[in-house]
Amino acid sequence: RPSAPTSRLDGRPDRHDLLTMPTVLELLLLFMAETQSGTRPAVYHGIPFDTALVVATSPTLTIDLETGGAIRIVGGASRVMRVRVSEPGRLCPDCAVAVTHSGASVQVRTRRGASNRCQANLQLEIEVPVQSNVELSSSGGIVEIEGIDGTLSGTTQSGELSLRRISGAVELQTRRGDITLREALARGTLRT
């Protein structure tokens, strides 16, 4: 069994050797810094998936849906962000979701296995604090956003955009699909 470095004749570590050995506190701080910096790789989970995170008062939610799918984002009074992903038809058995949280940012990503290029029928329901920013990238599907006071930006390749009770800056585009805007005090651009 290896022993601690010694520089003294009595076998005890020298004061200089102790200075170079990391303390438990330093190791804990290093672990926490790695966790907070978001450097850890995303862990993908099977579907169905359900999780809740305590987030900042004004978080930024980034959504990247490689698989496409229907998205419903609803603002509420809670500081808890809840992400639920389901697939009623189970058309994509190797689809997966990853949710990462770092500081005021939350990322939701979906992907599918390399061998499966069939149409996915994923349904994402995400509850966020009212004052949230949303960045969206989707390969297609209906997008519904309701009750958000923040910046909304992004693109979906196809599908309807439905926005209700929105205030803040909006920069959204659907390449193919209708856009509905109701009860909104938003400024910005909606394109189809």
C-alpha atoms as a PDB file:
ATOM      1  CA  ARG A   1       0.000   0.000   0.000  1.00  0.00           C
ATOM      2  CA  PRO A   2       1.512   3.361  -0.967  1.00  0.00           C
ATOM      3  CA  SER A   3       2.335   5.671   1.889  1.00  0.00           C
ATOM      4  CA  ALA A   4       2.283   9.451   2.048  1.00  0.00           C
ATOM      5  CA  PRO A   5       5.462  11.160   0.917  1.00  0.00           C
ATOM      6  CA  THR A   6       7.897  11.705   3.746  1.00  0.00           C
ATOM      7  CA  SER A   7      10.830  14.017   4.053  1.00  0.00           C
ATOM      8  CA  ARG A   8      11.537  13.581   7.715  1.00  0.00           C
ATOM      9  CA  LEU A   9      13.417  10.778   9.432  1.00  0.00           C
ATOM     10  CA  ASP A  10      10.545  10.016  11.816  1.00  0.00           C
ATOM     11  CA  GLY A  11       8.222   9.041   8.900  1.00  0.00           C
ATOM     12  CA  ARG A  12       5.721  11.886   9.304  1.00  0.00           C
ATOM     13  CA  PRO A  13       4.901  14.011   6.233  1.00  0.00           C
ATOM     14  CA  ASP A  14       6.859  17.212   5.925  1.00  0.00           C
ATOM     15  CA  ARG A  15       4.970  20.515   6.127  1.00  0.00           C
ATOM     16  CA  HIS A  16       5.699  21.194   2.411  1.00  0.00           C
ATOM     17  CA  ASP A  17       4.317  17.775   1.421  1.00  0.00           C
ATOM     18  CA  LEU A  18       1.072  18.543   3.266  1.00  0.00           C
ATOM     19  CA  LEU A  19       0.740  21.823   1.367  1.00  0.00           C
ATOM     20  CA  THR A  20       0.721  19.993  -1.972  1.00  0.00           C
ATOM     21  CA  MET A  21      -1.895  17.395  -0.972  1.00  0.00           C
ATOM     22  CA  PRO A  22      -5.476  18.471  -1.866  1.00  0.00           C
ATOM     23  CA  THR A  23      -7.906  18.848   0.998  1.00  0.00           C
ATOM     24  CA  VAL A  24     -11.414  17.432   1.021  1.00  0.00           C
ATOM     25  CA  LEU A  25     -12.753  20.993   0.706  1.00  0.00           C
ATOM     26  CA  GLU A  26     -10.642  21.627  -2.413  1.00  0.00           C
ATOM     27  CA  LEU A  27     -11.846  18.386  -4.002  1.00  0.00           C
ATOM     28  CA  LEU A  28     -15.459  19.282  -3.187  1.00  0.00           C
ATOM     29  CA  LEU A  29     -15.039  22.762  -4.695  1.00  0.00           C
ATOM     30  CA  LEU A  30     -13.486  21.258  -7.826  1.00  0.00           C
ATOM     31  CA  PHE A  31     -16.423  18.847  -8.195  1.00  0.00           C
ATOM     32  CA  MET A  32     -18.960  21.655  -7.684  1.00  0.00           C
ATOM     33  CA  ALA A  33     -17.207  23.890 -10.229  1.00  0.00           C
ATOM     34  CA  GLU A  34     -17.326  21.091 -12.809  1.00  0.00           C
ATOM     35  CA  THR A  35     -21.013  20.524 -12.085  1.00  0.00           C
ATOM     36  CA  GLN A  36     -21.845  24.238 -12.341  1.00  0.00           C
ATOM     37  CA  SER A  37     -19.799  24.830 -15.484  1.00  0.00           C
ATOM     38  CA  GLY A  38     -21.854  22.355 -17.473  1.00  0.00           C
ATOM     39  CA  THR A  39     -18.782  20.520 -18.723  1.00  0.00           C
ATOM     40  CA  ARG A  40     -20.211  17.105 -17.911  1.00  0.00           C
ATOM     41  CA  PRO A  41     -21.637  15.334 -20.969  1.00  0.00           C
ATOM     42  CA  ALA A  42     -25.406  15.097 -21.369  1.00  0.00           C
ATOM     43  CA  VAL A  43     -26.989  11.852 -20.248  1.00  0.00           C
ATOM     44  CA  TYR A  44     -29.754  10.624 -22.548  1.00  0.00           C
ATOM     45  CA  HIS A  45     -32.795   8.848 -21.129  1.00  0.00           C
ATOM     46  CA  GLY A  46     -35.453   6.684 -22.714  1.00  0.00           C
ATOM     47  CA  ILE A  47     -39.002   7.850 -23.268  1.00  0.00           C
ATOM     48  CA  PRO A  48     -41.320   8.325 -21.387  1.00  0.00           C
ATOM     49  CA  PHE A  49     -39.357  10.822 -19.302  1.00  0.00           C
ATOM     50  CA  ASP A  50     -40.413  13.181 -16.477  1.00  0.00           C
ATOM     51  CA  THR A  51     -38.250  15.458 -14.349  1.00  0.00           C
ATOM     52  CA  ALA A  52     -38.536  18.637 -12.264  1.00  0.00           C
ATOM     53  CA  LEU A  53     -35.777  21.188 -11.612  1.00  0.00           C
ATOM     54  CA  VAL A  54     -35.605  24.184  -9.300  1.00  0.00           C
ATOM     55  CA  VAL A  55     -34.437  27.030 -11.548  1.00  0.00           C
ATOM     56  CA  ALA A  56     -33.554  30.730 -11.392  1.00  0.00           C
ATOM     57  CA  THR A  57     -36.364  33.296 -11.424  1.00  0.00           C
ATOM     58  CA  SER A  58     -35.652  34.121 -15.108  1.00  0.00           C
ATOM     59  CA  PRO A  59     -34.157  30.999 -16.675  1.00  0.00           C
ATOM     60  CA  THR A  60     -33.223  30.421 -20.303  1.00  0.00           C
ATOM     61  CA  LEU A  61     -34.688  27.248 -21.797  1.00  0.00           C
ATOM     62  CA  THR A  62     -32.929  25.942 -24.912  1.00  0.00           C
ATOM     63  CA  ILE A  63     -34.776  23.240 -26.842  1.00  0.00           C
ATOM     64  CA  ASP A  64     -33.104  21.227 -29.623  1.00  0.00           C
ATOM     65  CA  LEU A  65     -35.422  18.582 -31.067  1.00  0.00           C
ATOM     66  CA  GLU A  66     -33.548  16.519 -33.616  1.00  0.00           C
ATOM     67  CA  THR A  67     -36.533  14.160 -33.637  1.00  0.00           C
ATOM     68  CA  GLY A  68     -39.174  16.865 -33.971  1.00  0.00           C
ATOM     69  CA  GLY A  69     -42.411  16.535 -32.055  1.00  0.00           C
ATOM     70  CA  ALA A  70     -45.217  18.548 -30.506  1.00  0.00           C
ATOM     71  CA  ILE A  71     -44.088  21.074 -27.893  1.00  0.00           C
ATOM     72  CA  ARG A  72     -46.243  22.798 -25.283  1.00  0.00           C
ATOM     73  CA  ILE A  73     -44.544  25.357 -23.023  1.00  0.00           C
ATOM     74  CA  VAL A  74     -46.617  26.982 -20.276  1.00  0.00           C
ATOM     75  CA  GLY A  75     -45.510  29.733 -17.896  1.00  0.00           C
ATOM     76  CA  GLY A  76     -46.496  29.540 -14.236  1.00  0.00           C
ATOM     77  CA  ALA A  77     -45.778  31.136 -10.864  1.00  0.00           C
ATOM     78  CA  SER A  78     -43.455  28.373  -9.621  1.00  0.00           C
ATOM     79  CA  ARG A  79     -39.638  28.330  -9.812  1.00  0.00           C
ATOM     80  CA  VAL A  80     -39.833  24.654 -10.672  1.00  0.00           C
ATOM     81  CA  MET A  81     -39.341  23.706 -14.318  1.00  0.00           C
ATOM     82  CA  ARG A  82     -40.997  20.439 -15.208  1.00  0.00           C
ATOM     83  CA  VAL A  83     -40.144  18.530 -18.399  1.00  0.00           C
ATOM     84  CA  ARG A  84     -42.319  15.625 -19.541  1.00  0.00           C
ATOM     85  CA  VAL A  85     -41.676  13.705 -22.747  1.00  0.00           C
ATOM     86  CA  SER A  86     -43.949  10.979 -24.068  1.00  0.00           C
ATOM     87  CA  GLU A  87     -44.610   9.164 -27.327  1.00  0.00           C
ATOM     88  CA  PRO A  88     -48.138   7.758 -27.583  1.00  0.00           C
ATOM     89  CA  GLY A  89     -47.557   5.678 -30.719  1.00  0.00           C
ATOM     90  CA  ARG A  90     -44.079   4.368 -29.818  1.00  0.00           C
ATOM     91  CA  LEU A  91     -42.983   4.880 -33.431  1.00  0.00           C
ATOM     92  CA  CYS A  92     -39.414   5.626 -32.390  1.00  0.00           C
ATOM     93  CA  PRO A  93     -38.294   3.096 -29.755  1.00  0.00           C
ATOM     94  CA  ASP A  94     -34.696   4.375 -29.747  1.00  0.00           C
ATOM     95  CA  CYS A  95     -35.566   8.071 -29.319  1.00  0.00           C
ATOM     96  CA  ALA A  96     -34.007   9.616 -26.211  1.00  0.00           C
ATOM     97  CA  VAL A  97     -34.055  12.886 -24.276  1.00  0.00           C
ATOM     98  CA  ALA A  98     -31.387  14.746 -22.288  1.00  0.00           C
ATOM     99  CA  VAL A  99     -32.049  17.584 -19.847  1.00  0.00           C
ATOM    100  CA  THR A 100     -29.058  19.526 -18.531  1.00  0.00           C
ATOM    101  CA  HIS A 101     -29.173  22.329 -15.974  1.00  0.00           C
ATOM    102  CA  SER A 102     -26.358  24.780 -15.357  1.00  0.00           C
ATOM    103  CA  GLY A 103     -26.934  28.031 -13.483  1.00  0.00           C
ATOM    104  CA  ALA A 104     -29.842  29.886 -15.114  1.00  0.00           C
ATOM    105  CA  SER A 105     -29.776  27.684 -18.246  1.00  0.00           C
ATOM    106  CA  VAL A 106     -31.706  24.499 -18.970  1.00  0.00           C
ATOM    107  CA  GLN A 107     -31.206  22.530 -22.198  1.00  0.00           C
ATOM    108  CA  VAL A 108     -33.638  19.923 -23.495  1.00  0.00           C
ATOM    109  CA  ARG A 109     -32.396  17.801 -26.408  1.00  0.00           C
ATOM    110  CA  THR A 110     -33.882  14.837 -28.204  1.00  0.00           C
ATOM    111  CA  ARG A 111     -32.181  12.443 -30.574  1.00  0.00           C
ATOM    112  CA  ARG A 112     -32.817   9.102 -32.217  1.00  0.00           C
ATOM    113  CA  GLY A 113     -30.632   6.098 -32.918  1.00  0.00           C
ATOM    114  CA  ALA A 114     -28.570   6.098 -36.115  1.00  0.00           C
ATOM    115  CA  SER A 115     -30.486   3.173 -37.577  1.00  0.00           C
ATOM    116  CA  ASN A 116     -33.920   4.723 -37.050  1.00  0.00           C
ATOM    117  CA  ARG A 117     -35.086   7.481 -39.383  1.00  0.00           C
ATOM    118  CA  CYS A 118     -38.823   6.898 -38.991  1.00  0.00           C
ATOM    119  CA  GLN A 119     -41.205   9.693 -38.004  1.00  0.00           C
ATOM    120  CA  ALA A 120     -41.232  10.270 -34.248  1.00  0.00           C
ATOM    121  CA  ASN A 121     -44.408  11.269 -32.429  1.00  0.00           C
ATOM    122  CA  LEU A 122     -42.803  12.823 -29.342  1.00  0.00           C
ATOM    123  CA  GLN A 123     -44.855  15.134 -27.139  1.00  0.00           C
ATOM    124  CA  LEU A 124     -43.016  17.554 -24.859  1.00  0.00           C
ATOM    125  CA  GLU A 125     -44.798  19.395 -22.067  1.00  0.00           C
ATOM    126  CA  ILE A 126     -42.636  21.927 -20.278  1.00  0.00           C
ATOM    127  CA  GLU A 127     -43.730  24.104 -17.353  1.00  0.00           C
ATOM    128  CA  VAL A 128     -41.498  27.152 -16.770  1.00  0.00           C
ATOM    129  CA  PRO A 129     -41.527  30.293 -14.617  1.00  0.00           C
ATOM    130  CA  VAL A 130     -43.491  33.130 -16.283  1.00  0.00           C
ATOM    131  CA  GLN A 131     -40.325  35.181 -16.756  1.00  0.00           C
ATOM    132  CA  SER A 132     -38.402  32.750 -18.938  1.00  0.00           C
ATOM    133  CA  ASN A 133     -36.480  33.023 -22.183  1.00  0.00           C
ATOM    134  CA  VAL A 134     -36.984  30.268 -24.769  1.00  0.00           C
ATOM    135  CA  GLU A 135     -34.654  29.330 -27.639  1.00  0.00           C
ATOM    136  CA  LEU A 136     -36.123  26.707 -29.985  1.00  0.00           C
ATOM    137  CA  SER A 137     -34.798  24.496 -32.769  1.00  0.00           C
ATOM    138  CA  SER A 138     -37.025  21.690 -34.053  1.00  0.00           C
ATOM    139  CA  SER A 139     -37.146  19.514 -37.134  1.00  0.00           C
ATOM    140  CA  GLY A 140     -40.947  19.835 -37.076  1.00  0.00           C
ATOM    141  CA  GLY A 141     -44.145  19.651 -35.077  1.00  0.00           C
ATOM    142  CA  ILE A 142     -46.744  21.882 -33.470  1.00  0.00           C
ATOM    143  CA  VAL A 143     -45.318  24.483 -31.067  1.00  0.00           C
ATOM    144  CA  GLU A 144     -47.608  26.008 -28.414  1.00  0.00           C
ATOM    145  CA  ILE A 145     -46.271  28.638 -26.023  1.00  0.00           C
ATOM    146  CA  GLU A 146     -48.485  30.233 -23.389  1.00  0.00           C
ATOM    147  CA  GLY A 147     -48.061  32.663 -20.498  1.00  0.00           C
ATOM    148  CA  ILE A 148     -44.429  33.686 -21.034  1.00  0.00           C
ATOM    149  CA  ASP A 149     -42.932  37.120 -20.322  1.00  0.00           C
ATOM    150  CA  GLY A 150     -39.495  36.854 -21.886  1.00  0.00           C
ATOM    151  CA  THR A 151     -37.593  36.477 -25.137  1.00  0.00           C
ATOM    152  CA  LEU A 152     -38.783  33.791 -27.562  1.00  0.00           C
ATOM    153  CA  SER A 153     -36.561  32.880 -30.504  1.00  0.00           C
ATOM    154  CA  GLY A 154     -35.983  30.012 -32.905  1.00  0.00           C
ATOM    155  CA  THR A 155     -37.129  27.954 -35.853  1.00  0.00           C
ATOM    156  CA  THR A 156     -39.180  24.870 -36.580  1.00  0.00           C
ATOM    157  CA  GLN A 157     -38.919  23.206 -39.993  1.00  0.00           C
ATOM    158  CA  SER A 158     -42.666  22.595 -40.199  1.00  0.00           C
ATOM    159  CA  GLY A 159     -45.694  22.846 -37.974  1.00  0.00           C
ATOM    160  CA  GLU A 160     -48.032  25.391 -36.501  1.00  0.00           C
ATOM    161  CA  LEU A 161     -46.840  28.091 -34.087  1.00  0.00           C
ATOM    162  CA  SER A 162     -49.475  29.026 -31.505  1.00  0.00           C
ATOM    163  CA  LEU A 163     -48.646  31.838 -29.067  1.00  0.00           C
ATOM    164  CA  ARG A 164     -51.013  32.997 -26.314  1.00  0.00           C
ATOM    165  CA  ARG A 165     -50.576  35.504 -23.465  1.00  0.00           C
ATOM    166  CA  ILE A 166     -47.050  36.385 -24.580  1.00  0.00           C
ATOM    167  CA  SER A 167     -45.136  39.543 -23.702  1.00  0.00           C
ATOM    168  CA  GLY A 168     -41.553  40.345 -24.526  1.00  0.00           C
ATOM    169  CA  ALA A 169     -39.417  40.032 -27.637  1.00  0.00           C
ATOM    170  CA  VAL A 170     -40.363  37.396 -30.229  1.00  0.00           C
ATOM    171  CA  GLU A 171     -38.276  36.159 -33.176  1.00  0.00           C
ATOM    172  CA  LEU A 172     -39.849  32.869 -34.330  1.00  0.00           C
ATOM    173  CA  GLN A 173     -40.142  31.163 -37.699  1.00  0.00           C
ATOM    174  CA  THR A 174     -41.871  28.092 -39.094  1.00  0.00           C
ATOM    175  CA  ARG A 175     -40.793  27.088 -42.583  1.00  0.00           C
ATOM    176  CA  ARG A 176     -44.188  25.450 -43.270  1.00  0.00           C
ATOM    177  CA  GLY A 177     -47.163  26.085 -41.030  1.00  0.00           C
ATOM    178  CA  ASP A 178     -49.672  28.595 -39.704  1.00  0.00           C
ATOM    179  CA  ILE A 179     -49.018  31.131 -36.959  1.00  0.00           C
ATOM    180  CA  THR A 180     -51.593  32.101 -34.331  1.00  0.00           C
ATOM    181  CA  LEU A 181     -50.995  35.002 -31.914  1.00  0.00           C
ATOM    182  CA  ARG A 182     -53.610  35.776 -29.234  1.00  0.00           C
ATOM    183  CA  GLU A 183     -53.688  38.012 -26.147  1.00  0.00           C
ATOM    184  CA  ALA A 184     -50.130  39.167 -26.773  1.00  0.00           C
ATOM    185  CA  LEU A 185     -48.112  42.287 -25.993  1.00  0.00           C
ATOM    186  CA  ALA A 186     -45.112  41.025 -27.903  1.00  0.00           C
ATOM    187  CA  ARG A 187     -42.746  42.885 -30.177  1.00  0.00           C
ATOM    188  CA  GLY A 188     -40.638  41.315 -32.892  1.00  0.00           C
ATOM    189  CA  THR A 189     -41.104  39.086 -35.914  1.00  0.00           C
ATOM    190  CA  LEU A 190     -43.087  35.936 -36.684  1.00  0.00           C
ATOM    191  CA  ARG A 191     -42.396  34.354 -40.099  1.00  0.00           C
ATOM    192  CA  THR A 192     -43.785  31.487 -42.105  1.00  0.00           C
END
